[in-house]
Amino acid sequence: MKFFTKALIILAVILLILALGDSIFNGLFSNDGYRPVTQQMKEVMTGAQ
């Protein structure tokens, strides 16, 4: 059971790193310039484009 818990935590951390990396990558290389990750989070939460 401990192994299963550790595996879930590791998976969650990897997903978080990938998500942050993706948003930072998109922010740096998109045409509208860099937006902070927090701003992107707000847009995702509110559904704004």
PDB file of N, CA and C in Angstrom:
ATOM      1  N   MET A   1       0.826  -1.206   0.000  1.00  0.00           N
ATOM      2  CA  MET A   1       0.000   0.000   0.000  1.00  0.00           C
ATOM      3  C   MET A   1       0.862   1.258   0.000  1.00  0.00           C
ATOM      4  N   LYS A   2       1.982   1.211   0.736  1.00  0.00           N
ATOM      5  CA  LYS A   2       2.880   2.366   0.748  1.00  0.00           C
ATOM      6  C   LYS A   2       3.452   2.627  -0.642  1.00  0.00           C
ATOM      7  N   PHE A   3       3.790   1.555  -1.348  1.00  0.00           N
ATOM      8  CA  PHE A   3       4.322   1.717  -2.703  1.00  0.00           C
ATOM      9  C   PHE A   3       3.306   2.414  -3.602  1.00  0.00           C
ATOM     10  N   PHE A   4       2.043   2.004  -3.481  1.00  0.00           N
ATOM     11  CA  PHE A   4       0.980   2.592  -4.294  1.00  0.00           C
ATOM     12  C   PHE A   4       0.841   4.089  -4.007  1.00  0.00           C
ATOM     13  N   THR A   5       0.913   4.459  -2.751  1.00  0.00           N
ATOM     14  CA  THR A   5       0.823   5.869  -2.364  1.00  0.00           C
ATOM     15  C   THR A   5       1.995   6.659  -2.927  1.00  0.00           C
ATOM     16  N   LYS A   6       3.197   6.110  -2.806  1.00  0.00           N
ATOM     17  CA  LYS A   6       4.381   6.779  -3.352  1.00  0.00           C
ATOM     18  C   LYS A   6       4.259   6.941  -4.864  1.00  0.00           C
ATOM     19  N   ALA A   7       3.783   5.915  -5.542  1.00  0.00           N
ATOM     20  CA  ALA A   7       3.629   5.974  -6.993  1.00  0.00           C
ATOM     21  C   ALA A   7       2.650   7.084  -7.379  1.00  0.00           C
ATOM     22  N   LEU A   8       1.554   7.206  -6.639  1.00  0.00           N
ATOM     23  CA  LEU A   8       0.570   8.257  -6.925  1.00  0.00           C
ATOM     24  C   LEU A   8       1.171   9.642  -6.717  1.00  0.00           C
ATOM     25  N   ILE A   9       1.939   9.809  -5.658  1.00  0.00           N
ATOM     26  CA  ILE A   9       2.566  11.106  -5.372  1.00  0.00           C
ATOM     27  C   ILE A   9       3.559  11.466  -6.471  1.00  0.00           C
ATOM     28  N   ILE A  10       4.387  10.504  -6.870  1.00  0.00           N
ATOM     29  CA  ILE A  10       5.371  10.737  -7.933  1.00  0.00           C
ATOM     30  C   ILE A  10       4.665  11.103  -9.235  1.00  0.00           C
ATOM     31  N   LEU A  11       3.583  10.387  -9.552  1.00  0.00           N
ATOM     32  CA  LEU A  11       2.821  10.665 -10.767  1.00  0.00           C
ATOM     33  C   LEU A  11       2.243  12.079 -10.725  1.00  0.00           C
ATOM     34  N   ALA A  12       1.708  12.471  -9.575  1.00  0.00           N
ATOM     35  CA  ALA A  12       1.136  13.813  -9.430  1.00  0.00           C
ATOM     36  C   ALA A  12       2.206  14.884  -9.618  1.00  0.00           C
ATOM     37  N   VAL A  13       3.397  14.665  -9.058  1.00  0.00           N
ATOM     38  CA  VAL A  13       4.495  15.623  -9.194  1.00  0.00           C
ATOM     39  C   VAL A  13       4.918  15.742 -10.656  1.00  0.00           C
ATOM     40  N   ILE A  14       5.036  14.612 -11.344  1.00  0.00           N
ATOM     41  CA  ILE A  14       5.418  14.627 -12.758  1.00  0.00           C
ATOM     42  C   ILE A  14       4.387  15.395 -13.582  1.00  0.00           C
ATOM     43  N   LEU A  15       3.104  15.136 -13.324  1.00  0.00           N
ATOM     44  CA  LEU A  15       2.047  15.832 -14.056  1.00  0.00           C
ATOM     45  C   LEU A  15       2.096  17.331 -13.791  1.00  0.00           C
ATOM     46  N   LEU A  16       2.363  17.711 -12.538  1.00  0.00           N
ATOM     47  CA  LEU A  16       2.451  19.126 -12.182  1.00  0.00           C
ATOM     48  C   LEU A  16       3.609  19.792 -12.918  1.00  0.00           C
ATOM     49  N   ILE A  17       4.767  19.126 -12.954  1.00  0.00           N
ATOM     50  CA  ILE A  17       5.942  19.665 -13.649  1.00  0.00           C
ATOM     51  C   ILE A  17       5.654  19.812 -15.143  1.00  0.00           C
ATOM     52  N   LEU A  18       5.019  18.804 -15.726  1.00  0.00           N
ATOM     53  CA  LEU A  18       4.684  18.869 -17.147  1.00  0.00           C
ATOM     54  C   LEU A  18       3.711  20.008 -17.427  1.00  0.00           C
ATOM     55  N   ALA A  19       2.716  20.168 -16.569  1.00  0.00           N
ATOM     56  CA  ALA A  19       1.719  21.223 -16.765  1.00  0.00           C
ATOM     57  C   ALA A  19       2.362  22.602 -16.659  1.00  0.00           C
ATOM     58  N   LEU A  20       3.214  22.792 -15.644  1.00  0.00           N
ATOM     59  CA  LEU A  20       3.889  24.080 -15.478  1.00  0.00           C
ATOM     60  C   LEU A  20       4.837  24.339 -16.640  1.00  0.00           C
ATOM     61  N   GLY A  21       5.585  23.323 -17.028  1.00  0.00           N
ATOM     62  CA  GLY A  21       6.514  23.466 -18.139  1.00  0.00           C
ATOM     63  C   GLY A  21       5.790  23.828 -19.420  1.00  0.00           C
ATOM     64  N   ASP A  22       4.639  23.198 -19.649  1.00  0.00           N
ATOM     65  CA  ASP A  22       3.863  23.472 -20.850  1.00  0.00           C
ATOM     66  C   ASP A  22       3.354  24.908 -20.850  1.00  0.00           C
ATOM     67  N   SER A  23       2.848  25.378 -19.710  1.00  0.00           N
ATOM     68  CA  SER A  23       2.312  26.741 -19.654  1.00  0.00           C
ATOM     69  C   SER A  23       3.429  27.769 -19.802  1.00  0.00           C
ATOM     70  N   ILE A  24       4.591  27.499 -19.207  1.00  0.00           N
ATOM     71  CA  ILE A  24       5.729  28.409 -19.344  1.00  0.00           C
ATOM     72  C   ILE A  24       6.206  28.422 -20.795  1.00  0.00           C
ATOM     73  N   PHE A  25       6.298  27.248 -21.416  1.00  0.00           N
ATOM     74  CA  PHE A  25       6.717  27.142 -22.814  1.00  0.00           C
ATOM     75  C   PHE A  25       5.765  27.916 -23.720  1.00  0.00           C
ATOM     76  N   ASN A  26       4.460  27.709 -23.520  1.00  0.00           N
ATOM     77  CA  ASN A  26       3.465  28.418 -24.324  1.00  0.00           C
ATOM     78  C   ASN A  26       3.547  29.918 -24.098  1.00  0.00           C
ATOM     79  N   GLY A  27       3.777  30.325 -22.854  1.00  0.00           N
ATOM     80  CA  GLY A  27       3.874  31.749 -22.545  1.00  0.00           C
ATOM     81  C   GLY A  27       5.084  32.388 -23.215  1.00  0.00           C
ATOM     82  N   LEU A  28       6.216  31.687 -23.223  1.00  0.00           N
ATOM     83  CA  LEU A  28       7.438  32.258 -23.782  1.00  0.00           C
ATOM     84  C   LEU A  28       7.399  32.309 -25.303  1.00  0.00           C
ATOM     85  N   PHE A  29       6.763  31.329 -25.928  1.00  0.00           N
ATOM     86  CA  PHE A  29       6.874  31.210 -27.379  1.00  0.00           C
ATOM     87  C   PHE A  29       5.599  31.557 -28.136  1.00  0.00           C
ATOM     88  N   SER A  30       4.562  31.999 -27.422  1.00  0.00           N
ATOM     89  CA  SER A  30       3.351  32.422 -28.125  1.00  0.00           C
ATOM     90  C   SER A  30       3.508  33.862 -28.605  1.00  0.00           C
ATOM     91  N   ASN A  31       2.692  34.247 -29.566  1.00  0.00           N
ATOM     92  CA  ASN A  31       2.844  35.559 -30.196  1.00  0.00           C
ATOM     93  C   ASN A  31       2.469  36.710 -29.278  1.00  0.00           C
ATOM     94  N   ASP A  32       1.582  36.460 -28.313  1.00  0.00           N
ATOM     95  CA  ASP A  32       1.110  37.566 -27.473  1.00  0.00           C
ATOM     96  C   ASP A  32       2.029  37.810 -26.282  1.00  0.00           C
ATOM     97  N   GLY A  33       3.214  37.224 -26.310  1.00  0.00           N
ATOM     98  CA  GLY A  33       4.185  37.493 -25.261  1.00  0.00           C
ATOM     99  C   GLY A  33       3.950  36.643 -24.026  1.00  0.00           C
ATOM    100  N   TYR A  34       4.818  36.814 -23.047  1.00  0.00           N
ATOM    101  CA  TYR A  34       4.771  35.985 -21.838  1.00  0.00           C
ATOM    102  C   TYR A  34       3.716  36.490 -20.870  1.00  0.00           C
ATOM    103  N   ARG A  35       2.848  35.576 -20.450  1.00  0.00           N
ATOM    104  CA  ARG A  35       1.901  35.870 -19.376  1.00  0.00           C
ATOM    105  C   ARG A  35       2.265  34.991 -18.194  1.00  0.00           C
ATOM    106  N   PRO A  36       2.208  35.525 -16.989  1.00  0.00           N
ATOM    107  CA  PRO A  36       2.525  34.705 -15.820  1.00  0.00           C
ATOM    108  C   PRO A  36       1.605  33.495 -15.728  1.00  0.00           C
ATOM    109  N   VAL A  37       2.121  32.427 -15.141  1.00  0.00           N
ATOM    110  CA  VAL A  37       1.347  31.194 -15.007  1.00  0.00           C
ATOM    111  C   VAL A  37       0.076  31.454 -14.209  1.00  0.00           C
ATOM    112  N   THR A  38       0.158  32.321 -13.207  1.00  0.00           N
ATOM    113  CA  THR A  38      -1.024  32.615 -12.390  1.00  0.00           C
ATOM    114  C   THR A  38      -2.123  33.238 -13.242  1.00  0.00           C
ATOM    115  N   GLN A  39      -1.738  34.099 -14.173  1.00  0.00           N
ATOM    116  CA  GLN A  39      -2.724  34.711 -15.068  1.00  0.00           C
ATOM    117  C   GLN A  39      -3.356  33.648 -15.960  1.00  0.00           C
ATOM    118  N   GLN A  40      -2.548  32.717 -16.449  1.00  0.00           N
ATOM    119  CA  GLN A  40      -3.077  31.636 -17.271  1.00  0.00           C
ATOM    120  C   GLN A  40      -4.030  30.771 -16.466  1.00  0.00           C
ATOM    121  N   MET A  41      -3.692  30.525 -15.195  1.00  0.00           N
ATOM    122  CA  MET A  41      -4.564  29.737 -14.327  1.00  0.00           C
ATOM    123  C   MET A  41      -5.922  30.420 -14.189  1.00  0.00           C
ATOM    124  N   LYS A  42      -5.908  31.749 -13.964  1.00  0.00           N
ATOM    125  CA  LYS A  42      -7.157  32.499 -13.835  1.00  0.00           C
ATOM    126  C   LYS A  42      -7.984  32.373 -15.107  1.00  0.00           C
ATOM    127  N   GLU A  43      -7.336  32.478 -16.256  1.00  0.00           N
ATOM    128  CA  GLU A  43      -8.050  32.378 -17.524  1.00  0.00           C
ATOM    129  C   GLU A  43      -8.654  30.991 -17.703  1.00  0.00           C
ATOM    130  N   VAL A  44      -7.901  29.970 -17.314  1.00  0.00           N
ATOM    131  CA  VAL A  44      -8.413  28.605 -17.423  1.00  0.00           C
ATOM    132  C   VAL A  44      -9.614  28.415 -16.502  1.00  0.00           C
ATOM    133  N   MET A  45      -9.498  28.931 -15.274  1.00  0.00           N
ATOM    134  CA  MET A  45     -10.576  28.765 -14.297  1.00  0.00           C
ATOM    135  C   MET A  45     -11.842  29.500 -14.725  1.00  0.00           C
ATOM    136  N   THR A  46     -11.689  30.697 -15.294  1.00  0.00           N
ATOM    137  CA  THR A  46     -12.852  31.487 -15.692  1.00  0.00           C
ATOM    138  C   THR A  46     -13.327  31.123 -17.094  1.00  0.00           C
ATOM    139  N   GLY A  47     -12.513  30.403 -17.844  1.00  0.00           N
ATOM    140  CA  GLY A  47     -12.880  29.990 -19.194  1.00  0.00           C
ATOM    141  C   GLY A  47     -12.717  31.097 -20.216  1.00  0.00           C
ATOM    142  N   ALA A  48     -11.960  32.136 -19.894  1.00  0.00           N
ATOM    143  CA  ALA A  48     -11.739  33.242 -20.827  1.00  0.00           C
ATOM    144  C   ALA A  48     -10.706  32.834 -21.874  1.00  0.00           C
ATOM    145  N   GLN A  49     -10.856  33.393 -23.041  1.00  0.00           N
ATOM    146  CA  GLN A  49      -9.896  33.097 -24.115  1.00  0.00           C
ATOM    147  C   GLN A  49      -8.901  34.223 -24.244  1.00  0.00           C
TER     148      GLN A  49
END
